[in-house]
Protein backbone atom coordinates (compact mmCIF):
# COMPACT_ATOMS: atom_id res chain seq x y z
CA MET A 1 0.00 0.00 0.00
CA THR A 2 1.51 3.33 -1.02
CA VAL A 3 0.76 6.03 1.51
CA PRO A 4 1.08 9.62 0.27
CA VAL A 5 2.41 11.22 3.44
CA GLU A 6 4.43 14.41 3.21
CA LYS A 7 7.66 13.99 5.12
CA ILE A 8 9.96 16.75 6.27
CA GLU A 9 13.38 15.90 4.90
CA LEU A 10 16.06 16.36 7.54
CA PRO A 11 19.37 15.03 6.21
CA VAL A 12 21.32 13.81 9.24
CA SER A 13 24.13 11.28 9.51
CA PRO A 14 23.82 8.85 11.17
CA ASP A 15 20.13 8.67 10.33
CA PRO A 16 18.08 8.96 13.57
CA THR A 17 14.97 7.61 11.85
CA GLU A 18 16.67 4.37 10.85
CA ILE A 19 18.25 3.91 14.26
CA MET A 20 14.98 4.52 16.12
CA ALA A 21 13.31 1.83 13.98
CA THR A 22 15.68 -0.82 15.36
CA GLY A 23 15.91 -2.72 18.62
CA GLY A 24 12.27 -3.69 18.97
CA ASP A 25 10.02 -6.64 18.23
CA ASP A 26 8.60 -7.38 14.77
CA ARG A 27 6.13 -4.46 14.99
CA ILE A 28 8.82 -1.80 14.78
CA GLY A 29 10.11 -2.29 11.24
CA LEU A 30 9.45 0.25 8.49
CA ASP A 31 7.82 -0.69 5.18
CA PRO A 32 10.40 -0.01 2.43
CA ALA A 33 7.64 1.25 0.13
CA THR A 34 6.23 3.82 2.57
CA GLY A 35 8.94 4.45 5.14
CA LEU A 36 6.28 3.88 7.82
CA ASN A 37 5.55 1.17 10.37
CA ARG A 38 2.31 -0.81 10.60
CA TYR A 39 0.71 2.10 12.48
CA TYR A 40 1.52 4.50 9.61
CA SER A 41 4.06 6.46 11.63
CA ALA A 42 7.83 6.82 11.72
CA ALA A 43 10.48 8.52 13.82
CA ILE A 44 10.68 11.57 11.58
CA PRO A 45 8.71 14.84 11.70
CA SER A 46 5.77 14.53 9.32
CA GLY A 47 3.40 16.88 7.56
CA ILE A 48 0.39 14.66 8.27
CA LEU A 49 -2.29 15.93 10.67
CA ALA A 50 -1.87 13.40 13.47
CA TYR A 51 -4.03 13.10 16.57
CA ALA A 52 -3.08 9.48 17.14
CA SER A 53 -1.35 9.47 20.53
CA SER A 54 -3.55 6.58 21.68
CA THR A 55 -1.84 4.36 19.09
CA ALA A 56 1.49 5.74 17.79
CA ASN A 57 3.20 9.05 17.09
CA ASP A 58 5.53 10.70 14.69
CA ILE A 59 8.29 12.64 16.41
CA SER A 60 8.33 16.40 16.91
CA ALA A 61 10.96 18.49 15.16
CA GLN A 62 12.36 19.54 18.55
CA ALA A 63 12.74 15.96 19.79
CA TYR A 64 14.26 14.92 16.46
CA ALA A 65 16.89 17.64 16.83
CA HIS A 66 17.57 16.50 20.40
CA VAL A 67 18.05 12.89 19.27
CA SER A 68 20.35 14.06 16.48
CA ASP A 69 22.48 15.90 19.01
CA ARG A 70 22.60 12.87 21.32
CA LEU A 71 23.62 10.64 18.44
CA ALA A 72 26.44 13.02 17.62
CA GLU A 73 27.59 12.80 21.25
CA ILE A 74 27.25 9.08 21.90
CA GLY A 75 27.48 7.65 18.40
CA PRO A 76 25.23 5.08 16.68
CA GLU A 77 27.03 2.16 18.36
CA PRO A 78 27.80 3.15 21.95
CA SER A 79 29.89 0.92 24.16
CA PRO A 80 28.10 -1.09 26.87
CA GLN A 81 29.57 1.31 29.41
CA ASP A 82 28.25 4.38 27.56
CA TYR A 83 24.88 2.69 27.03
CA GLY A 84 24.59 1.96 30.74
CA GLY A 85 25.64 5.50 31.62
CA ALA A 86 23.07 7.00 29.26
CA LEU A 87 20.28 4.89 30.76
CA GLU A 88 21.36 5.87 34.27
CA ALA A 89 21.11 9.51 33.24
CA LEU A 90 17.60 8.87 31.90
CA ARG A 91 16.62 7.24 35.21
CA ALA A 92 17.65 10.39 37.04
CA ARG A 93 15.72 12.59 34.60
CA ILE A 94 12.56 10.49 34.93
CA ARG A 95 12.71 10.64 38.74
CA LEU A 96 13.19 14.41 38.59
CA ALA A 97 10.31 14.88 36.14
CA TYR A 98 7.88 12.93 38.35
CA GLY A 99 9.29 14.20 41.66
CA LEU A 100 10.45 10.76 42.82
CA SER A 101 13.15 9.75 45.26
CA GLY A 102 16.30 7.91 44.24
CA GLU A 103 14.92 4.77 45.91
CA VAL A 104 12.45 4.23 43.06
CA ALA A 105 13.96 1.74 40.61
CA VAL A 106 13.50 2.31 36.89
CA VAL A 107 13.49 -0.64 34.49
CA PHE A 108 13.51 0.07 30.75
CA ALA A 109 11.75 -2.05 28.14
CA PRO A 110 11.49 -1.93 24.33
CA SER A 111 7.67 -1.71 24.49
CA GLY A 112 4.79 -1.44 26.91
CA THR A 113 3.95 -5.07 26.30
CA ASP A 114 7.42 -6.10 27.54
CA LEU A 115 6.80 -4.28 30.83
CA GLU A 116 4.56 -7.13 31.96
CA TYR A 117 7.70 -9.27 32.32
CA VAL A 118 9.03 -6.73 34.85
CA ALA A 119 6.03 -7.24 37.13
CA LEU A 120 6.36 -11.02 36.81
CA ALA A 121 10.05 -10.77 37.70
CA CYS A 122 9.19 -8.73 40.81
CA ALA A 123 6.65 -11.37 41.91
CA SER A 124 8.84 -14.36 41.07
CA GLY A 125 9.63 -16.44 44.15
CA ARG A 126 7.25 -14.52 46.42
CA ALA A 127 5.08 -17.59 47.07
CA PRO A 128 5.63 -21.36 46.78
CA GLY A 129 2.72 -21.83 44.39
CA GLY A 130 3.97 -19.22 41.90
CA THR A 131 2.26 -16.08 40.61
CA HIS A 132 -1.42 -15.40 39.97
CA ASN A 133 -1.76 -12.47 37.58
CA ILE A 134 -5.04 -10.55 37.39
CA LEU A 135 -4.97 -8.59 34.14
CA LEU A 136 -7.60 -5.89 33.77
CA GLY A 137 -9.30 -5.34 30.43
CA ALA A 138 -6.90 -6.98 27.98
CA ASP A 139 -8.76 -5.36 25.06
CA GLU A 140 -8.29 -1.95 26.70
CA VAL A 141 -4.54 -2.16 27.36
CA GLY A 142 -2.94 -3.98 24.42
CA SER A 143 -3.52 -7.28 22.66
CA GLY A 144 -0.02 -8.64 23.29
CA CYS A 145 -0.37 -8.28 27.06
CA ILE A 146 -2.55 -11.38 27.25
CA HIS A 147 0.63 -13.31 26.37
CA SER A 148 3.33 -11.34 28.20
CA ALA A 149 1.28 -11.15 31.41
CA HIS A 150 1.05 -14.95 31.25
CA GLY A 151 4.83 -15.32 31.01
CA ARG A 152 4.76 -16.05 27.31
CA TYR A 153 6.25 -14.46 24.20
CA PHE A 154 3.88 -12.16 22.31
CA GLY A 155 5.60 -11.92 18.91
CA GLU A 156 7.84 -13.64 16.42
CA THR A 157 11.05 -12.00 17.59
CA THR A 158 12.31 -10.07 20.62
CA ALA A 159 14.24 -6.81 20.82
CA LEU A 160 17.43 -8.87 21.03
CA GLY A 161 16.60 -10.48 17.69
CA VAL A 162 15.77 -13.84 19.29
CA PRO A 163 13.23 -15.80 17.18
CA THR A 164 10.18 -16.75 19.23
CA ARG A 165 6.64 -18.00 18.84
CA ALA A 166 3.65 -15.99 20.04
CA GLY A 167 2.24 -17.89 23.01
CA GLY A 168 5.46 -19.84 23.56
CA PRO A 169 6.74 -19.99 27.16
CA VAL A 170 9.46 -17.75 28.58
CA ALA A 171 11.88 -19.95 30.52
CA GLY A 172 11.50 -19.54 34.27
CA LEU A 173 7.95 -18.26 33.91
CA ASP A 174 6.50 -21.42 32.36
CA GLY A 175 5.73 -24.77 33.94
CA GLY A 176 2.79 -23.45 35.93
CA PHE A 177 4.73 -20.68 37.71
CA VAL A 178 2.32 -18.06 36.28
CA ASP A 179 -1.41 -18.32 35.82
CA LEU A 180 -3.60 -15.57 34.43
CA VAL A 181 -7.14 -14.33 34.63
CA ASP A 182 -8.47 -11.38 32.63
CA VAL A 183 -11.12 -9.26 34.32
CA PRO A 184 -13.03 -7.35 31.61
CA VAL A 185 -13.66 -3.64 32.14
CA ARG A 186 -16.74 -3.74 29.92
CA ASP A 187 -19.80 -5.96 29.86
CA ALA A 188 -21.12 -7.82 26.83
CA GLN A 189 -22.88 -4.65 25.64
CA GLY A 190 -19.71 -2.56 25.85
CA ARG A 191 -20.74 -0.69 29.01
CA VAL A 192 -18.00 0.10 31.52
CA ARG A 193 -18.22 -2.01 34.67
CA PRO A 194 -18.37 -0.13 37.99
CA SER A 195 -15.18 -0.12 40.03
CA GLY A 196 -16.85 -2.00 42.89
CA ASP A 197 -17.88 -4.85 40.60
CA ILE A 198 -14.34 -5.12 39.20
CA ALA A 199 -12.82 -5.09 42.69
CA ALA A 200 -15.25 -7.78 43.89
CA ARG A 201 -14.24 -10.03 40.99
CA MET A 202 -10.59 -9.41 41.83
CA ALA A 203 -11.17 -10.22 45.50
CA GLN A 204 -12.66 -13.61 44.62
CA SER A 205 -9.69 -14.38 42.39
CA ILE A 206 -7.20 -13.36 45.10
CA VAL A 207 -8.85 -15.66 47.66
CA ALA A 208 -8.56 -18.58 45.24
CA ALA A 209 -4.90 -17.72 44.63
CA GLU A 210 -4.20 -17.59 48.39
CA ALA A 211 -5.65 -21.08 48.72
CA ALA A 212 -3.22 -22.23 46.02
CA ARG A 213 -0.35 -20.43 47.83
CA ARG A 214 0.23 -18.03 44.94
CA HIS A 215 1.28 -14.39 45.10
CA THR A 216 -1.17 -12.17 43.19
CA LEU A 217 -0.41 -9.30 40.85
CA VAL A 218 -3.46 -7.03 40.73
CA HIS A 219 -3.60 -4.81 37.64
CA ALA A 220 -5.21 -1.38 37.63
CA VAL A 221 -5.49 0.85 34.58
CA HIS A 222 -4.83 4.57 34.74
CA GLY A 223 -5.85 5.69 31.30
CA SER A 224 -6.90 2.75 29.17
CA LYS A 225 -7.28 2.86 25.38
CA THR A 226 -10.54 4.74 25.95
CA GLY A 227 -9.42 6.81 28.94
CA LEU A 228 -10.70 4.69 31.84
CA ILE A 229 -9.26 4.76 35.37
CA LEU A 230 -10.21 1.52 37.16
CA PRO A 231 -10.49 0.33 39.87
CA SER A 232 -10.64 3.38 42.10
CA LEU A 233 -7.92 4.12 44.64
CA ALA A 234 -10.43 3.42 47.41
CA ASP A 235 -11.13 -0.06 46.03
CA LEU A 236 -7.42 -0.77 45.63
CA ASP A 237 -6.87 0.32 49.23
CA ARG A 238 -9.56 -2.08 50.42
CA LEU A 239 -7.98 -4.96 48.53
CA GLN A 240 -4.59 -4.11 50.02
CA ALA A 241 -5.99 -3.80 53.55
CA ARG A 242 -7.56 -7.24 53.27
CA HIS A 243 -4.75 -9.13 51.55
CA GLY A 244 -1.61 -7.25 52.60
CA ASP A 245 1.68 -8.64 51.32
CA GLY A 246 -0.18 -11.36 49.45
CA ILE A 247 -0.75 -8.97 46.55
CA THR A 248 1.28 -6.49 44.50
CA ILE A 249 -0.55 -3.76 42.59
CA VAL A 250 0.53 -3.09 39.01
CA VAL A 251 -0.70 0.15 37.46
CA ASP A 252 -0.91 0.19 33.67
CA ALA A 253 -0.42 3.86 32.88
CA CYS A 254 1.09 3.02 29.51
CA GLN A 255 -0.92 5.72 27.75
CA GLY A 256 1.14 8.20 29.78
CA ARG A 257 -1.91 10.29 30.74
CA ILE A 258 -0.90 10.45 34.39
CA THR A 259 0.19 13.29 36.67
CA SER A 260 3.24 13.27 38.90
CA SER A 261 1.00 13.28 41.98
CA ALA A 262 -0.86 10.19 40.73
CA VAL A 263 2.45 8.39 40.09
CA GLN A 264 3.53 9.25 43.63
CA ASP A 265 0.20 8.07 45.11
CA TYR A 266 0.52 4.68 43.46
CA LEU A 267 4.17 4.21 44.41
CA ALA A 268 3.36 5.12 48.02
CA ARG A 269 0.99 2.12 48.01
CA GLY A 270 3.81 -0.15 46.87
CA ALA A 271 2.47 -0.32 43.32
CA ILE A 272 4.60 -0.88 40.23
CA VAL A 273 3.75 1.74 37.58
CA PHE A 274 4.10 1.12 33.83
CA VAL A 275 4.55 4.09 31.46
CA THR A 276 5.39 4.19 27.76
CA GLY A 277 7.04 7.04 25.93
CA SER A 278 5.13 6.50 22.71
CA LYS A 279 1.56 7.55 23.54
CA PHE A 280 0.64 10.84 25.26
CA MET A 281 4.32 11.50 25.98
CA GLY A 282 4.77 11.88 22.23
CA GLY A 283 7.90 9.85 21.55
CA PRO A 284 8.16 7.45 18.61
CA PRO A 285 7.10 3.81 18.96
CA PHE A 286 8.26 1.78 20.93
CA SER A 287 9.65 2.35 24.47
CA GLY A 288 8.62 1.92 28.06
CA PHE A 289 9.73 1.99 31.66
CA ALA A 290 8.52 0.50 34.93
CA LEU A 291 8.71 2.52 38.13
CA VAL A 292 9.33 0.02 40.93
CA PRO A 293 9.04 1.11 44.59
CA SER A 294 11.92 0.14 46.85
CA GLY A 295 9.95 -2.51 48.72
CA ALA A 296 9.08 -4.41 45.55
CA ALA A 297 12.63 -4.14 44.25
CA GLN A 298 14.16 -5.36 47.52
CA ALA A 299 11.78 -8.34 47.64
CA ALA A 300 12.60 -9.45 44.10
CA ALA A 301 14.29 -12.78 43.50
CA ALA A 302 16.85 -13.44 40.77
CA LEU A 303 15.55 -12.74 37.28
CA PRO A 304 13.97 -15.74 35.54
CA SER A 305 16.39 -17.18 32.98
CA GLY A 306 14.15 -16.47 29.98
CA LEU A 307 14.42 -12.73 30.50
CA SER A 308 17.87 -12.96 28.92
CA THR A 309 16.04 -13.27 25.57
CA LEU A 310 14.10 -10.04 26.23
CA PHE A 311 16.30 -7.53 28.07
CA ARG A 312 19.87 -6.25 28.15
CA ARG A 313 21.81 -5.83 31.39
CA ALA A 314 21.84 -2.03 31.55
CA GLU A 315 18.05 -1.88 31.15
CA TRP A 316 17.76 -3.17 34.74
CA PRO A 317 19.15 -1.19 37.69
CA ARG A 318 22.67 -2.03 38.79
CA GLY A 319 22.73 -4.81 41.34
CA TRP A 320 19.30 -6.25 40.51
CA PRO A 321 19.49 -9.98 41.39
CA GLY A 322 20.27 -12.04 38.31
CA SER A 323 20.90 -9.07 36.01
CA GLU A 324 24.46 -10.28 35.48
CA SER A 325 23.00 -13.12 33.40
CA LEU A 326 21.63 -10.62 30.86
CA SER A 327 23.50 -9.70 27.70
CA ASP A 328 25.96 -6.84 28.20
CA THR A 329 25.15 -5.44 24.76
CA VAL A 330 23.47 -2.24 23.60
CA ASN A 331 20.20 -1.15 22.01
CA PRO A 332 20.83 2.30 20.49
CA GLY A 333 17.34 2.34 18.93
CA LEU A 334 15.66 2.01 22.32
CA LEU A 335 18.03 4.56 23.86
CA MET A 336 17.21 7.18 21.23
CA ARG A 337 13.46 6.52 21.43
CA LEU A 338 13.68 7.02 25.18
CA GLU A 339 15.73 10.18 24.68
CA ALA A 340 12.96 11.60 22.49
CA SER A 341 10.25 10.65 24.96
CA ILE A 342 11.92 11.99 28.09
CA PHE A 343 12.80 15.19 26.22
CA GLU A 344 9.04 15.67 25.65
CA LEU A 345 8.19 14.76 29.25
CA GLU A 346 10.62 17.38 30.52
CA ARG A 347 9.19 20.02 28.18
CA PHE A 348 5.69 19.21 29.41
CA VAL A 349 6.37 19.26 33.16
CA ARG A 350 8.05 22.67 32.81
CA LEU A 351 4.79 24.20 31.52
CA ASP A 352 2.57 26.32 33.74
CA PRO A 353 -0.29 23.99 34.83
CA ASP A 354 -2.83 26.70 33.98
CA HIS A 355 -1.50 26.84 30.41
CA VAL A 356 -1.74 23.04 30.14
CA THR A 357 -5.35 23.11 31.30
CA ARG A 358 -6.20 25.91 28.87
CA VAL A 359 -4.77 24.00 25.87
CA ILE A 360 -6.42 20.70 26.79
CA LEU A 361 -9.82 22.31 27.32
CA ALA A 362 -9.52 24.13 23.98
CA PHE A 363 -8.81 20.80 22.27
CA HIS A 364 -11.71 19.13 24.07
CA ALA A 365 -14.08 21.95 23.06
CA ALA A 366 -12.97 21.82 19.41
CA VAL A 367 -13.70 18.09 19.19
CA ARG A 368 -17.22 18.82 20.35
CA SER A 369 -17.92 21.92 18.25
CA GLU A 370 -16.37 20.68 14.99
CA ILE A 371 -17.09 16.92 15.11
CA ILE A 372 -19.64 15.92 17.76
CA ASP A 373 -22.04 18.81 17.05
CA ARG A 374 -21.66 18.65 13.24
CA THR A 375 -21.62 14.93 12.42
CA PRO A 376 -23.42 11.75 13.57
CA ALA A 377 -20.45 10.97 15.85
CA ARG A 378 -20.81 10.81 19.60
CA ARG A 379 -18.28 10.60 22.41
CA VAL A 380 -17.89 7.30 24.23
CA ALA A 381 -18.04 8.11 27.93
CA PRO A 382 -14.75 7.30 29.71
CA TYR A 383 -16.47 6.19 32.92
CA PRO A 384 -19.12 3.69 34.12
CA PRO A 385 -22.79 4.65 33.65
CA GLY A 386 -23.93 7.13 36.27
CA GLU A 387 -20.42 8.02 37.45
CA ARG A 388 -19.93 11.33 35.62
CA GLU A 389 -19.21 13.19 38.87
CA GLU A 390 -16.43 10.75 39.76
CA ALA A 391 -14.92 11.11 36.28
CA ASP A 392 -14.95 14.90 36.64
CA THR A 393 -12.39 14.50 39.44
CA HIS A 394 -9.92 12.74 37.12
CA PRO A 395 -6.77 14.65 36.13
CA ILE A 396 -7.07 17.07 33.21
CA GLU A 397 -4.77 14.81 31.15
CA MET A 398 -7.67 12.38 30.74
CA ARG A 399 -9.36 14.95 28.50
CA THR A 400 -6.54 14.66 25.98
CA LEU A 401 -8.29 11.61 24.51
CA SER A 402 -11.74 11.29 22.93
CA THR A 403 -13.13 7.98 21.67
CA LEU A 404 -15.65 8.59 18.88
CA ASP A 405 -18.58 6.29 18.22
CA LEU A 406 -18.91 6.43 14.41
CA SER A 407 -21.48 3.67 14.05
CA ALA A 408 -24.13 6.17 12.87
CA PHE A 409 -21.90 7.38 10.03
CA ALA A 410 -22.96 4.60 7.67
CA ASP A 411 -26.15 2.92 8.92
CA GLY A 412 -24.68 0.80 11.68
CA ALA A 413 -21.04 0.90 10.69
CA ALA A 414 -19.08 -1.91 12.30
CA PHE A 415 -15.62 -2.20 13.82
CA GLU A 416 -14.18 -3.63 10.58
CA GLU A 417 -15.35 -0.55 8.67
CA ALA A 418 -13.57 1.67 11.17
CA GLN A 419 -10.39 -0.29 10.55
CA ALA A 420 -10.75 0.46 6.83
CA TRP A 421 -11.47 4.13 7.57
CA HIS A 422 -8.39 4.34 9.77
CA ARG A 423 -6.25 3.28 6.80
CA ALA A 424 -8.15 5.41 4.29
CA LEU A 425 -7.73 8.59 6.36
CA ILE A 426 -4.01 8.55 5.58
CA ALA A 427 -4.73 9.42 1.93
CA HIS A 428 -6.55 12.53 3.24
CA GLY A 429 -3.53 13.57 5.31
CA VAL A 430 -5.09 12.59 8.67
CA ARG A 431 -4.07 9.94 11.17
CA LEU A 432 -6.15 9.05 14.23
CA GLY A 433 -5.98 6.36 16.89
CA GLN A 434 -7.06 2.86 15.96
CA PRO A 435 -10.61 1.63 16.67
CA VAL A 436 -11.47 -0.11 19.95
CA LYS A 437 -14.30 -2.56 20.62
CA CYS A 438 -16.42 -0.58 23.06
CA VAL A 439 -19.74 0.06 21.22
CA ARG A 440 -22.19 -2.79 20.69
CA LEU A 441 -24.63 -2.60 17.74
CA PHE A 442 -28.20 -3.87 17.81
CA ASP A 443 -27.26 -6.89 15.72
CA GLY A 444 -24.54 -7.93 18.15
CA ARG A 445 -21.53 -6.72 16.14
CA TRP A 446 -18.99 -4.27 17.53
CA GLY A 447 -19.53 -0.76 16.23
CA ALA A 448 -17.16 1.61 14.44
CA THR A 449 -14.95 3.77 16.64
CA LEU A 450 -11.80 5.88 16.23
CA ARG A 451 -9.84 7.90 18.77
CA ILE A 452 -8.55 11.48 18.76
CA GLY A 453 -5.69 12.20 21.15
CA LEU A 454 -3.23 14.97 21.94
CA THR A 455 0.46 14.53 22.69
CA MET A 456 2.58 16.39 25.22
CA TRP A 457 4.46 18.16 22.45
CA GLN A 458 1.23 19.38 20.85
CA VAL A 459 0.31 20.91 24.21
CA ALA A 460 3.77 22.44 24.61
CA ASP A 461 3.78 23.89 21.09
CA ARG A 462 0.45 25.68 21.65
CA ALA A 463 0.79 26.74 25.28
CA GLY A 464 1.98 30.22 24.29
CA LEU A 465 -0.95 31.01 21.99
CA GLY A 466 -3.61 33.51 22.98
CA ASP A 467 -7.15 32.25 23.58
CA GLU A 468 -8.46 33.23 20.15
CA ALA A 469 -5.51 31.76 18.23
CA LEU A 470 -5.62 28.60 20.34
CA ALA A 471 -9.32 28.05 19.68
CA ARG A 472 -8.85 28.76 15.97
CA THR A 473 -5.94 26.33 15.46
CA PHE A 474 -7.80 23.46 17.11
CA ALA A 475 -11.02 24.31 15.27
CA ASP A 476 -9.16 24.27 11.95
CA ASP A 477 -7.58 20.89 12.75
CA MET A 478 -10.84 19.30 13.88
CA ALA A 479 -12.62 20.65 10.78
CA ARG A 480 -10.02 18.84 8.65
CA VAL A 481 -10.56 15.67 10.66
CA ARG A 482 -14.33 16.02 10.22
CA GLU A 483 -14.12 16.44 6.46
CA ALA A 484 -11.75 13.49 6.15
CA LEU A 485 -14.06 11.29 8.24
CA LEU A 486 -17.06 12.24 6.13
CA ALA A 487 -15.10 11.54 2.95
CA VAL A 488 -13.95 8.04 3.94
CA ALA A 489 -17.32 7.06 5.41
CA ARG A 490 -19.31 7.84 2.23
């Protein structure tokens, strides 16, 4: 498929775009015909109108320049010592950006899906019966997680270039050491389940795991594919009060739509927090890091042997038990993707919070005035029925994502039609987030949806605009999105 996307030519040697498309699983490669990955993005500034932070980003011109400078400093093939030093520097920058102490461990991973192995490593050896993993809303956090959270490979190759089989066991996590249950966040009709119902299902599963002498990982989501935060902090606190050291909370904040205070709240509860640099943060696909509180890090056993096929030594903190068994090699592609992402995080946290709020609300208003009010689209509510007031207390970052129900665009348009529209929008110079199964049609099929999401760098670039100019620029963008949607849905 030839995709007519205007690219901004930035001749740099070595080529940052090529380097940032290496060192990942089989999803990261670029199509030779288009120069794009399977999500129609690449690590180069692009002229396309992209509001696709829920799926994958291009890179901003500022971050691209930063990566180019870092490549000039460190080179395209850094030594293991330089690689480790660069990752240590990134750990310090991440802690500073989120206001964290030096006791919080930071583990890097080539994708958000790989972060599940970090949680399993932290739980390994905690109980004689192994690990019971309660995943929350697999369809809302990433399709590959159903494998990685089960201690299995999720693709055909790893970031170390090791050939694997999706669903095949990771050594040290197989043989019954990990079992998995997925608690859906939506019912059969696509309605969001109340937090109390989700927590009650989790509690039953934890009791069964305790009887089997298993340690339980309890997943929460802070910003799912459709912007959900579940279960509530109060429900997580009740689970912790009842089950104590028998559980470890894992917060999937991979969308990156999380405030520093929320990160700190979770870590104070002993939770492991997952974040990726390739969604709201605005870095190129793929990169991620796990924030591990000191208690969880100190309780960790030696890394399972199979993690040597997935991680390099420097990606784990110095002195982590078993990390000496990992390859002392380098992944310059991951390093540069992380450099881009943390550059954007630092730009964002330096902004005046009032300016951030003003930009996000202007975006939110433009989606309504230019798309919701002028087309058959409607917003999918990012909260359970009847819990609007609770959702209004969520951080402002949650309003950087709108899931659009487009089923009324073409007489009951289905999920598969939205997939086709997602591809067809590229020819109109527009890229949005992929569809999600969250709207049920009368005939039982899943309805058409697409997602519109901001990135940190889009907020930073517009924070200095006056109110009128800010409203106009978002209105112009959303009008282009509207016309493109109407064109592809004809």
